[in-house]
Amino acid sequence: MAEEILVTPRYLKGKEKEWTELVKRARNDFLTAADHVRVLTQGFDGRPVKELDKRFALWKEEGIIAFRAFENHIGKLGQIAEVYEQAERENRNVTTEN
C-alpha cells in the first residue's frame, strides 16, 4: 500500500528555517575549526604543520563556497512554498467563482 505524503507551504517554510539554522551552525563550527588550526600552527613549525595549515586554508575556501551553495539550495524551499501558496490562492478563486 502506498504511503501518503503531505507537503504544505507551512511544512516547507518550517524545514527551510530549521535547515538554515542547522547549516549556519555547521558553517560556524567549520570556520571555527579552521581558525583553531591556524592558531595551533602558529605555535609549531615543520612540514606536517605547514601541510595542515595549507590544507585547512584550502578547505576553508572550499567550505565557504559549499556552504553558500547549500544555503541557496535550502532557500529554494521558501520559493517552492510561495508557488504552492499562489496555486492554492488561484485554486480557491476558481472554486469560489463556480
PDB file of N, CA and C in Angstrom:
ATOM      1  N   MET A   1       0.847  -1.177   0.000  1.00  0.00           N
ATOM      2  CA  MET A   1       0.000   0.000   0.000  1.00  0.00           C
ATOM      3  C   MET A   1       0.893   1.241   0.000  1.00  0.00           C
ATOM      4  N   ALA A   2       0.578   2.174  -0.844  1.00  0.00           N
ATOM      5  CA  ALA A   2       1.373   3.395  -0.959  1.00  0.00           C
ATOM      6  C   ALA A   2       1.140   4.297   0.244  1.00  0.00           C
ATOM      7  N   GLU A   3       2.199   4.978   0.619  1.00  0.00           N
ATOM      8  CA  GLU A   3       2.122   5.896   1.740  1.00  0.00           C
ATOM      9  C   GLU A   3       1.810   7.289   1.216  1.00  0.00           C
ATOM     10  N   GLU A   4       0.939   8.019   1.918  1.00  0.00           N
ATOM     11  CA  GLU A   4       0.607   9.378   1.510  1.00  0.00           C
ATOM     12  C   GLU A   4       1.650  10.336   2.053  1.00  0.00           C
ATOM     13  N   ILE A   5       2.021  11.291   1.223  1.00  0.00           N
ATOM     14  CA  ILE A   5       2.964  12.324   1.636  1.00  0.00           C
ATOM     15  C   ILE A   5       2.253  13.664   1.505  1.00  0.00           C
ATOM     16  N   LEU A   6       2.185  14.403   2.572  1.00  0.00           N
ATOM     17  CA  LEU A   6       1.541  15.702   2.560  1.00  0.00           C
ATOM     18  C   LEU A   6       2.614  16.782   2.708  1.00  0.00           C
ATOM     19  N   VAL A   7       2.711  17.606   1.707  1.00  0.00           N
ATOM     20  CA  VAL A   7       3.664  18.714   1.732  1.00  0.00           C
ATOM     21  C   VAL A   7       2.859  19.995   1.662  1.00  0.00           C
ATOM     22  N   THR A   8       3.026  20.825   2.681  1.00  0.00           N
ATOM     23  CA  THR A   8       2.305  22.096   2.720  1.00  0.00           C
ATOM     24  C   THR A   8       3.313  23.242   2.701  1.00  0.00           C
ATOM     25  N   PRO A   9       2.861  24.436   2.324  1.00  0.00           N
ATOM     26  CA  PRO A   9       3.764  25.585   2.389  1.00  0.00           C
ATOM     27  C   PRO A   9       4.326  25.802   3.799  1.00  0.00           C
ATOM     28  N   ARG A  10       3.499  25.574   4.787  1.00  0.00           N
ATOM     29  CA  ARG A  10       3.944  25.743   6.178  1.00  0.00           C
ATOM     30  C   ARG A  10       5.067  24.758   6.513  1.00  0.00           C
ATOM     31  N   TYR A  11       4.906  23.505   6.071  1.00  0.00           N
ATOM     32  CA  TYR A  11       5.933  22.486   6.302  1.00  0.00           C
ATOM     33  C   TYR A  11       7.243  22.892   5.621  1.00  0.00           C
ATOM     34  N   LEU A  12       7.150  23.316   4.365  1.00  0.00           N
ATOM     35  CA  LEU A  12       8.355  23.714   3.627  1.00  0.00           C
ATOM     36  C   LEU A  12       9.059  24.893   4.296  1.00  0.00           C
ATOM     37  N   LYS A  13       8.290  25.879   4.717  1.00  0.00           N
ATOM     38  CA  LYS A  13       8.886  27.039   5.380  1.00  0.00           C
ATOM     39  C   LYS A  13       9.528  26.642   6.710  1.00  0.00           C
ATOM     40  N   GLY A  14       8.893  25.718   7.426  1.00  0.00           N
ATOM     41  CA  GLY A  14       9.465  25.235   8.683  1.00  0.00           C
ATOM     42  C   GLY A  14      10.785  24.513   8.464  1.00  0.00           C
ATOM     43  N   LYS A  15      10.822  23.663   7.440  1.00  0.00           N
ATOM     44  CA  LYS A  15      12.065  22.952   7.117  1.00  0.00           C
ATOM     45  C   LYS A  15      13.140  23.924   6.649  1.00  0.00           C
ATOM     46  N   GLU A  16      12.740  24.910   5.869  1.00  0.00           N
ATOM     47  CA  GLU A  16      13.719  25.908   5.417  1.00  0.00           C
ATOM     48  C   GLU A  16      14.359  26.604   6.618  1.00  0.00           C
ATOM     49  N   LYS A  17      13.543  27.004   7.567  1.00  0.00           N
ATOM     50  CA  LYS A  17      14.063  27.687   8.755  1.00  0.00           C
ATOM     51  C   LYS A  17      14.954  26.747   9.575  1.00  0.00           C
ATOM     52  N   GLU A  18      14.476  25.527   9.807  1.00  0.00           N
ATOM     53  CA  GLU A  18      15.220  24.542  10.593  1.00  0.00           C
ATOM     54  C   GLU A  18      16.577  24.244   9.952  1.00  0.00           C
ATOM     55  N   TRP A  19      16.574  23.958   8.659  1.00  0.00           N
ATOM     56  CA  TRP A  19      17.804  23.582   7.978  1.00  0.00           C
ATOM     57  C   TRP A  19      18.735  24.772   7.785  1.00  0.00           C
ATOM     58  N   THR A  20      18.185  25.969   7.628  1.00  0.00           N
ATOM     59  CA  THR A  20      19.031  27.159   7.529  1.00  0.00           C
ATOM     60  C   THR A  20      19.817  27.354   8.813  1.00  0.00           C
ATOM     61  N   GLU A  21      19.149  27.182   9.948  1.00  0.00           N
ATOM     62  CA  GLU A  21      19.830  27.301  11.243  1.00  0.00           C
ATOM     63  C   GLU A  21      20.886  26.212  11.415  1.00  0.00           C
ATOM     64  N   LEU A  22      20.557  24.995  11.011  1.00  0.00           N
ATOM     65  CA  LEU A  22      21.496  23.885  11.132  1.00  0.00           C
ATOM     66  C   LEU A  22      22.739  24.126  10.267  1.00  0.00           C
ATOM     67  N   VAL A  23      22.539  24.581   9.047  1.00  0.00           N
ATOM     68  CA  VAL A  23      23.667  24.871   8.155  1.00  0.00           C
ATOM     69  C   VAL A  23      24.485  26.040   8.701  1.00  0.00           C
ATOM     70  N   LYS A  24      23.818  27.033   9.256  1.00  0.00           N
ATOM     71  CA  LYS A  24      24.532  28.178   9.840  1.00  0.00           C
ATOM     72  C   LYS A  24      25.436  27.725  10.985  1.00  0.00           C
ATOM     73  N   ARG A  25      24.905  26.850  11.857  1.00  0.00           N
ATOM     74  CA  ARG A  25      25.718  26.338  12.966  1.00  0.00           C
ATOM     75  C   ARG A  25      26.878  25.497  12.439  1.00  0.00           C
ATOM     76  N   ALA A  26      26.613  24.650  11.447  1.00  0.00           N
ATOM     77  CA  ALA A  26      27.667  23.809  10.875  1.00  0.00           C
ATOM     78  C   ALA A  26      28.749  24.675  10.224  1.00  0.00           C
ATOM     79  N   ARG A  27      28.336  25.699   9.487  1.00  0.00           N
ATOM     80  CA  ARG A  27      29.306  26.602   8.849  1.00  0.00           C
ATOM     81  C   ARG A  27      30.161  27.300   9.906  1.00  0.00           C
ATOM     82  N   ASN A  28      29.522  27.786  10.951  1.00  0.00           N
ATOM     83  CA  ASN A  28      30.271  28.467  12.009  1.00  0.00           C
ATOM     84  C   ASN A  28      31.250  27.521  12.700  1.00  0.00           C
ATOM     85  N   ASP A  29      30.820  26.293  12.975  1.00  0.00           N
ATOM     86  CA  ASP A  29      31.712  25.299  13.587  1.00  0.00           C
ATOM     87  C   ASP A  29      32.883  24.980  12.663  1.00  0.00           C
ATOM     88  N   PHE A  30      32.601  24.841  11.391  1.00  0.00           N
ATOM     89  CA  PHE A  30      33.643  24.561  10.399  1.00  0.00           C
ATOM     90  C   PHE A  30      34.670  25.699  10.350  1.00  0.00           C
ATOM     91  N   LEU A  31      34.183  26.935  10.293  1.00  0.00           N
ATOM     92  CA  LEU A  31      35.095  28.081  10.235  1.00  0.00           C
ATOM     93  C   LEU A  31      35.874  28.229  11.536  1.00  0.00           C
ATOM     94  N   THR A  32      35.245  27.933  12.659  1.00  0.00           N
ATOM     95  CA  THR A  32      35.945  27.993  13.946  1.00  0.00           C
ATOM     96  C   THR A  32      37.061  26.958  13.983  1.00  0.00           C
ATOM     97  N   ALA A  33      36.787  25.750  13.480  1.00  0.00           N
ATOM     98  CA  ALA A  33      37.822  24.711  13.438  1.00  0.00           C
ATOM     99  C   ALA A  33      38.996  25.163  12.578  1.00  0.00           C
ATOM    100  N   ALA A  34      38.709  25.752  11.438  1.00  0.00           N
ATOM    101  CA  ALA A  34      39.776  26.244  10.556  1.00  0.00           C
ATOM    102  C   ALA A  34      40.602  27.322  11.265  1.00  0.00           C
ATOM    103  N   ASP A  35      39.932  28.190  12.005  1.00  0.00           N
ATOM    104  CA  ASP A  35      40.648  29.236  12.747  1.00  0.00           C
ATOM    105  C   ASP A  35      41.495  28.639  13.865  1.00  0.00           C
ATOM    106  N   HIS A  36      40.976  27.612  14.538  1.00  0.00           N
ATOM    107  CA  HIS A  36      41.739  26.954  15.607  1.00  0.00           C
ATOM    108  C   HIS A  36      43.000  26.298  15.053  1.00  0.00           C
ATOM    109  N   VAL A  37      42.888  25.676  13.897  1.00  0.00           N
ATOM    110  CA  VAL A  37      44.067  25.072  13.274  1.00  0.00           C
ATOM    111  C   VAL A  37      45.088  26.151  12.951  1.00  0.00           C
ATOM    112  N   ARG A  38      44.636  27.276  12.481  1.00  0.00           N
ATOM    113  CA  ARG A  38      45.546  28.391  12.158  1.00  0.00           C
ATOM    114  C   ARG A  38      46.299  28.829  13.418  1.00  0.00           C
ATOM    115  N   VAL A  39      45.612  28.953  14.527  1.00  0.00           N
ATOM    116  CA  VAL A  39      46.243  29.355  15.790  1.00  0.00           C
ATOM    117  C   VAL A  39      47.238  28.289  16.244  1.00  0.00           C
ATOM    118  N   LEU A  40      46.839  27.023  16.158  1.00  0.00           N
ATOM    119  CA  LEU A  40      47.736  25.946  16.581  1.00  0.00           C
ATOM    120  C   LEU A  40      49.009  25.906  15.741  1.00  0.00           C
ATOM    121  N   THR A  41      48.889  26.140  14.460  1.00  0.00           N
ATOM    122  CA  THR A  41      50.065  26.065  13.591  1.00  0.00           C
ATOM    123  C   THR A  41      51.034  27.217  13.836  1.00  0.00           C
ATOM    124  N   GLN A  42      50.559  28.261  14.464  1.00  0.00           N
ATOM    125  CA  GLN A  42      51.455  29.375  14.777  1.00  0.00           C
ATOM    126  C   GLN A  42      52.416  29.020  15.913  1.00  0.00           C
ATOM    127  N   GLY A  43      52.058  28.012  16.699  1.00  0.00           N
ATOM    128  CA  GLY A  43      52.904  27.612  17.826  1.00  0.00           C
ATOM    129  C   GLY A  43      53.863  26.487  17.499  1.00  0.00           C
ATOM    130  N   PHE A  44      53.768  25.944  16.297  1.00  0.00           N
ATOM    131  CA  PHE A  44      54.613  24.822  15.914  1.00  0.00           C
ATOM    132  C   PHE A  44      55.244  25.099  14.555  1.00  0.00           C
ATOM    133  N   ASP A  45      56.321  24.375  14.273  1.00  0.00           N
ATOM    134  CA  ASP A  45      57.000  24.534  12.991  1.00  0.00           C
ATOM    135  C   ASP A  45      57.296  23.151  12.421  1.00  0.00           C
ATOM    136  N   GLY A  46      57.412  23.082  11.134  1.00  0.00           N
ATOM    137  CA  GLY A  46      57.738  21.813  10.487  1.00  0.00           C
ATOM    138  C   GLY A  46      56.799  21.526   9.332  1.00  0.00           C
ATOM    139  N   ARG A  47      57.200  20.551   8.547  1.00  0.00           N
ATOM    140  CA  ARG A  47      56.442  20.212   7.348  1.00  0.00           C
ATOM    141  C   ARG A  47      55.010  19.756   7.660  1.00  0.00           C
ATOM    142  N   PRO A  48      54.790  18.875   8.667  1.00  0.00           N
ATOM    143  CA  PRO A  48      53.405  18.453   8.938  1.00  0.00           C
ATOM    144  C   PRO A  48      52.487  19.623   9.307  1.00  0.00           C
ATOM    145  N   VAL A  49      53.012  20.547  10.081  1.00  0.00           N
ATOM    146  CA  VAL A  49      52.213  21.700  10.494  1.00  0.00           C
ATOM    147  C   VAL A  49      51.924  22.604   9.299  1.00  0.00           C
ATOM    148  N   LYS A  50      52.921  22.829   8.472  1.00  0.00           N
ATOM    149  CA  LYS A  50      52.712  23.658   7.285  1.00  0.00           C
ATOM    150  C   LYS A  50      51.706  23.011   6.331  1.00  0.00           C
ATOM    151  N   GLU A  51      51.791  21.683   6.209  1.00  0.00           N
ATOM    152  CA  GLU A  51      50.839  20.963   5.342  1.00  0.00           C
ATOM    153  C   GLU A  51      49.415  21.076   5.881  1.00  0.00           C
ATOM    154  N   LEU A  52      49.269  20.922   7.195  1.00  0.00           N
ATOM    155  CA  LEU A  52      47.951  21.048   7.819  1.00  0.00           C
ATOM    156  C   LEU A  52      47.387  22.449   7.601  1.00  0.00           C
ATOM    157  N   ASP A  53      48.218  23.451   7.792  1.00  0.00           N
ATOM    158  CA  ASP A  53      47.789  24.830   7.599  1.00  0.00           C
ATOM    159  C   ASP A  53      47.372  25.066   6.149  1.00  0.00           C
ATOM    160  N   LYS A  54      48.153  24.554   5.224  1.00  0.00           N
ATOM    161  CA  LYS A  54      47.848  24.717   3.808  1.00  0.00           C
ATOM    162  C   LYS A  54      46.525  24.037   3.443  1.00  0.00           C
ATOM    163  N   ARG A  55      46.360  22.811   3.941  1.00  0.00           N
ATOM    164  CA  ARG A  55      45.131  22.073   3.631  1.00  0.00           C
ATOM    165  C   ARG A  55      43.896  22.743   4.232  1.00  0.00           C
ATOM    166  N   PHE A  56      44.018  23.203   5.472  1.00  0.00           N
ATOM    167  CA  PHE A  56      42.867  23.846   6.096  1.00  0.00           C
ATOM    168  C   PHE A  56      42.527  25.166   5.414  1.00  0.00           C
ATOM    169  N   ALA A  57      43.524  25.878   4.955  1.00  0.00           N
ATOM    170  CA  ALA A  57      43.255  27.115   4.213  1.00  0.00           C
ATOM    171  C   ALA A  57      42.453  26.806   2.952  1.00  0.00           C
ATOM    172  N   LEU A  58      42.840  25.744   2.250  1.00  0.00           N
ATOM    173  CA  LEU A  58      42.117  25.337   1.046  1.00  0.00           C
ATOM    174  C   LEU A  58      40.715  24.857   1.401  1.00  0.00           C
ATOM    175  N   TRP A  59      40.603  24.015   2.427  1.00  0.00           N
ATOM    176  CA  TRP A  59      39.297  23.507   2.836  1.00  0.00           C
ATOM    177  C   TRP A  59      38.374  24.641   3.272  1.00  0.00           C
ATOM    178  N   LYS A  60      38.949  25.660   3.924  1.00  0.00           N
ATOM    179  CA  LYS A  60      38.139  26.781   4.380  1.00  0.00           C
ATOM    180  C   LYS A  60      37.527  27.494   3.186  1.00  0.00           C
ATOM    181  N   GLU A  61      38.326  27.764   2.168  1.00  0.00           N
ATOM    182  CA  GLU A  61      37.808  28.433   0.969  1.00  0.00           C
ATOM    183  C   GLU A  61      36.733  27.584   0.294  1.00  0.00           C
ATOM    184  N   GLU A  62      37.019  26.294   0.133  1.00  0.00           N
ATOM    185  CA  GLU A  62      36.053  25.389  -0.497  1.00  0.00           C
ATOM    186  C   GLU A  62      34.790  25.271   0.359  1.00  0.00           C
ATOM    187  N   GLY A  63      34.966  25.222   1.661  1.00  0.00           N
ATOM    188  CA  GLY A  63      33.823  25.104   2.571  1.00  0.00           C
ATOM    189  C   GLY A  63      32.916  26.307   2.504  1.00  0.00           C
ATOM    190  N   ILE A  64      33.484  27.486   2.442  1.00  0.00           N
ATOM    191  CA  ILE A  64      32.675  28.705   2.348  1.00  0.00           C
ATOM    192  C   ILE A  64      31.819  28.661   1.091  1.00  0.00           C
ATOM    193  N   ILE A  65      32.413  28.249  -0.013  1.00  0.00           N
ATOM    194  CA  ILE A  65      31.676  28.151  -1.277  1.00  0.00           C
ATOM    195  C   ILE A  65      30.580  27.090  -1.177  1.00  0.00           C
ATOM    196  N   ALA A  66      30.913  25.939  -0.608  1.00  0.00           N
ATOM    197  CA  ALA A  66      29.944  24.842  -0.489  1.00  0.00           C
ATOM    198  C   ALA A  66      28.787  25.214   0.434  1.00  0.00           C
ATOM    199  N   PHE A  67      29.082  25.840   1.570  1.00  0.00           N
ATOM    200  CA  PHE A  67      28.012  26.240   2.481  1.00  0.00           C
ATOM    201  C   PHE A  67      27.107  27.279   1.833  1.00  0.00           C
ATOM    202  N   ARG A  68      27.680  28.206   1.091  1.00  0.00           N
ATOM    203  CA  ARG A  68      26.877  29.226   0.401  1.00  0.00           C
ATOM    204  C   ARG A  68      25.925  28.557  -0.602  1.00  0.00           C
ATOM    205  N   ALA A  69      26.440  27.583  -1.363  1.00  0.00           N
ATOM    206  CA  ALA A  69      25.604  26.868  -2.333  1.00  0.00           C
ATOM    207  C   ALA A  69      24.495  26.092  -1.618  1.00  0.00           C
ATOM    208  N   PHE A  70      24.839  25.475  -0.491  1.00  0.00           N
ATOM    209  CA  PHE A  70      23.856  24.711   0.273  1.00  0.00           C
ATOM    210  C   PHE A  70      22.762  25.627   0.815  1.00  0.00           C
ATOM    211  N   GLU A  71      23.160  26.799   1.326  1.00  0.00           N
ATOM    212  CA  GLU A  71      22.184  27.764   1.833  1.00  0.00           C
ATOM    213  C   GLU A  71      21.251  28.230   0.716  1.00  0.00           C
ATOM    214  N   ASN A  72      21.807  28.455  -0.473  1.00  0.00           N
ATOM    215  CA  ASN A  72      20.970  28.850  -1.611  1.00  0.00           C
ATOM    216  C   ASN A  72      19.989  27.741  -1.972  1.00  0.00           C
ATOM    217  N   HIS A  73      20.456  26.513  -1.918  1.00  0.00           N
ATOM    218  CA  HIS A  73      19.603  25.370  -2.232  1.00  0.00           C
ATOM    219  C   HIS A  73      18.451  25.272  -1.225  1.00  0.00           C
ATOM    220  N   ILE A  74      18.747  25.408   0.043  1.00  0.00           N
ATOM    221  CA  ILE A  74      17.715  25.350   1.080  1.00  0.00           C
ATOM    222  C   ILE A  74      16.728  26.507   0.903  1.00  0.00           C
ATOM    223  N   GLY A  75      17.218  27.655   0.479  1.00  0.00           N
ATOM    224  CA  GLY A  75      16.352  28.816   0.250  1.00  0.00           C
ATOM    225  C   GLY A  75      15.283  28.561  -0.799  1.00  0.00           C
ATOM    226  N   LYS A  76      15.504  27.582  -1.654  1.00  0.00           N
ATOM    227  CA  LYS A  76      14.511  27.249  -2.678  1.00  0.00           C
ATOM    228  C   LYS A  76      13.242  26.681  -2.059  1.00  0.00           C
ATOM    229  N   LEU A  77      13.339  26.138  -0.844  1.00  0.00           N
ATOM    230  CA  LEU A  77      12.134  25.643  -0.178  1.00  0.00           C
ATOM    231  C   LEU A  77      11.117  26.761   0.017  1.00  0.00           C
ATOM    232  N   GLY A  78      11.598  27.946   0.377  1.00  0.00           N
ATOM    233  CA  GLY A  78      10.707  29.098   0.529  1.00  0.00           C
ATOM    234  C   GLY A  78      10.074  29.496  -0.795  1.00  0.00           C
ATOM    235  N   GLN A  79      10.851  29.404  -1.866  1.00  0.00           N
ATOM    236  CA  GLN A  79      10.319  29.724  -3.188  1.00  0.00           C
ATOM    237  C   GLN A  79       9.246  28.712  -3.597  1.00  0.00           C
ATOM    238  N   ILE A  80       9.498  27.441  -3.314  1.00  0.00           N
ATOM    239  CA  ILE A  80       8.519  26.401  -3.624  1.00  0.00           C
ATOM    240  C   ILE A  80       7.245  26.635  -2.816  1.00  0.00           C
ATOM    241  N   ALA A  81       7.401  26.994  -1.547  1.00  0.00           N
ATOM    242  CA  ALA A  81       6.247  27.268  -0.692  1.00  0.00           C
ATOM    243  C   ALA A  81       5.418  28.410  -1.273  1.00  0.00           C
ATOM    244  N   GLU A  82       6.081  29.434  -1.785  1.00  0.00           N
ATOM    245  CA  GLU A  82       5.365  30.558  -2.397  1.00  0.00           C
ATOM    246  C   GLU A  82       4.562  30.106  -3.615  1.00  0.00           C
ATOM    247  N   VAL A  83       5.151  29.234  -4.419  1.00  0.00           N
ATOM    248  CA  VAL A  83       4.444  28.707  -5.591  1.00  0.00           C
ATOM    249  C   VAL A  83       3.217  27.917  -5.143  1.00  0.00           C
ATOM    250  N   TYR A  84       3.370  27.085  -4.117  1.00  0.00           N
ATOM    251  CA  TYR A  84       2.240  26.317  -3.589  1.00  0.00           C
ATOM    252  C   TYR A  84       1.140  27.248  -3.088  1.00  0.00           C
ATOM    253  N   GLU A  85       1.539  28.282  -2.343  1.00  0.00           N
ATOM    254  CA  GLU A  85       0.546  29.222  -1.808  1.00  0.00           C
ATOM    255  C   GLU A  85      -0.185  29.942  -2.927  1.00  0.00           C
ATOM    256  N   GLN A  86       0.544  30.343  -3.948  1.00  0.00           N
ATOM    257  CA  GLN A  86      -0.073  31.015  -5.089  1.00  0.00           C
ATOM    258  C   GLN A  86      -1.057  30.072  -5.785  1.00  0.00           C
ATOM    259  N   ALA A  87      -0.671  28.825  -5.967  1.00  0.00           N
ATOM    260  CA  ALA A  87      -1.561  27.840  -6.600  1.00  0.00           C
ATOM    261  C   ALA A  87      -2.804  27.623  -5.759  1.00  0.00           C
ATOM    262  N   GLU A  88      -2.635  27.585  -4.450  1.00  0.00           N
ATOM    263  CA  GLU A  88      -3.791  27.415  -3.571  1.00  0.00           C
ATOM    264  C   GLU A  88      -4.721  28.616  -3.669  1.00  0.00           C
ATOM    265  N   ARG A  89      -4.161  29.824  -3.700  1.00  0.00           N
ATOM    266  CA  ARG A  89      -4.989  31.024  -3.831  1.00  0.00           C
ATOM    267  C   ARG A  89      -5.764  31.007  -5.150  1.00  0.00           C
ATOM    268  N   GLU A  90      -5.080  30.663  -6.221  1.00  0.00           N
ATOM    269  CA  GLU A  90      -5.734  30.626  -7.528  1.00  0.00           C
ATOM    270  C   GLU A  90      -6.791  29.538  -7.575  1.00  0.00           C
ATOM    271  N   ASN A  91      -6.504  28.399  -6.963  1.00  0.00           N
ATOM    272  CA  ASN A  91      -7.474  27.314  -6.924  1.00  0.00           C
ATOM    273  C   ASN A  91      -8.706  27.722  -6.131  1.00  0.00           C
ATOM    274  N   ARG A  92      -8.552  28.393  -5.034  1.00  0.00           N
ATOM    275  CA  ARG A  92      -9.694  28.869  -4.236  1.00  0.00           C
ATOM    276  C   ARG A  92     -10.514  29.847  -5.040  1.00  0.00           C
ATOM    277  N   ASN A  93      -9.840  30.736  -5.764  1.00  0.00           N
ATOM    278  CA  ASN A  93     -10.559  31.721  -6.570  1.00  0.00           C
ATOM    279  C   ASN A  93     -11.408  31.030  -7.644  1.00  0.00           C
ATOM    280  N   VAL A  94     -10.855  29.998  -8.229  1.00  0.00           N
ATOM    281  CA  VAL A  94     -11.579  29.275  -9.276  1.00  0.00           C
ATOM    282  C   VAL A  94     -12.774  28.550  -8.682  1.00  0.00           C
ATOM    283  N   THR A  95     -12.602  27.890  -7.556  1.00  0.00           N
ATOM    284  CA  THR A  95     -13.699  27.111  -6.981  1.00  0.00           C
ATOM    285  C   THR A  95     -14.768  28.009  -6.407  1.00  0.00           C
ATOM    286  N   THR A  96     -14.438  29.191  -5.902  1.00  0.00           N
ATOM    287  CA  THR A  96     -15.467  30.066  -5.338  1.00  0.00           C
ATOM    288  C   THR A  96     -16.254  30.780  -6.421  1.00  0.00           C
ATOM    289  N   GLU A  97     -15.665  30.926  -7.593  1.00  0.00           N
ATOM    290  CA  GLU A  97     -16.382  31.613  -8.676  1.00  0.00           C
ATOM    291  C   GLU A  97     -17.379  30.698  -9.346  1.00  0.00           C
ATOM    292  N   ASN A  98     -17.257  29.395  -9.220  1.00  0.00           N
ATOM    293  CA  ASN A  98     -18.175  28.456  -9.893  1.00  0.00           C
ATOM    294  C   ASN A  98     -19.436  28.257  -9.125  1.00  0.00           C
TER     295      ASN A  98
END
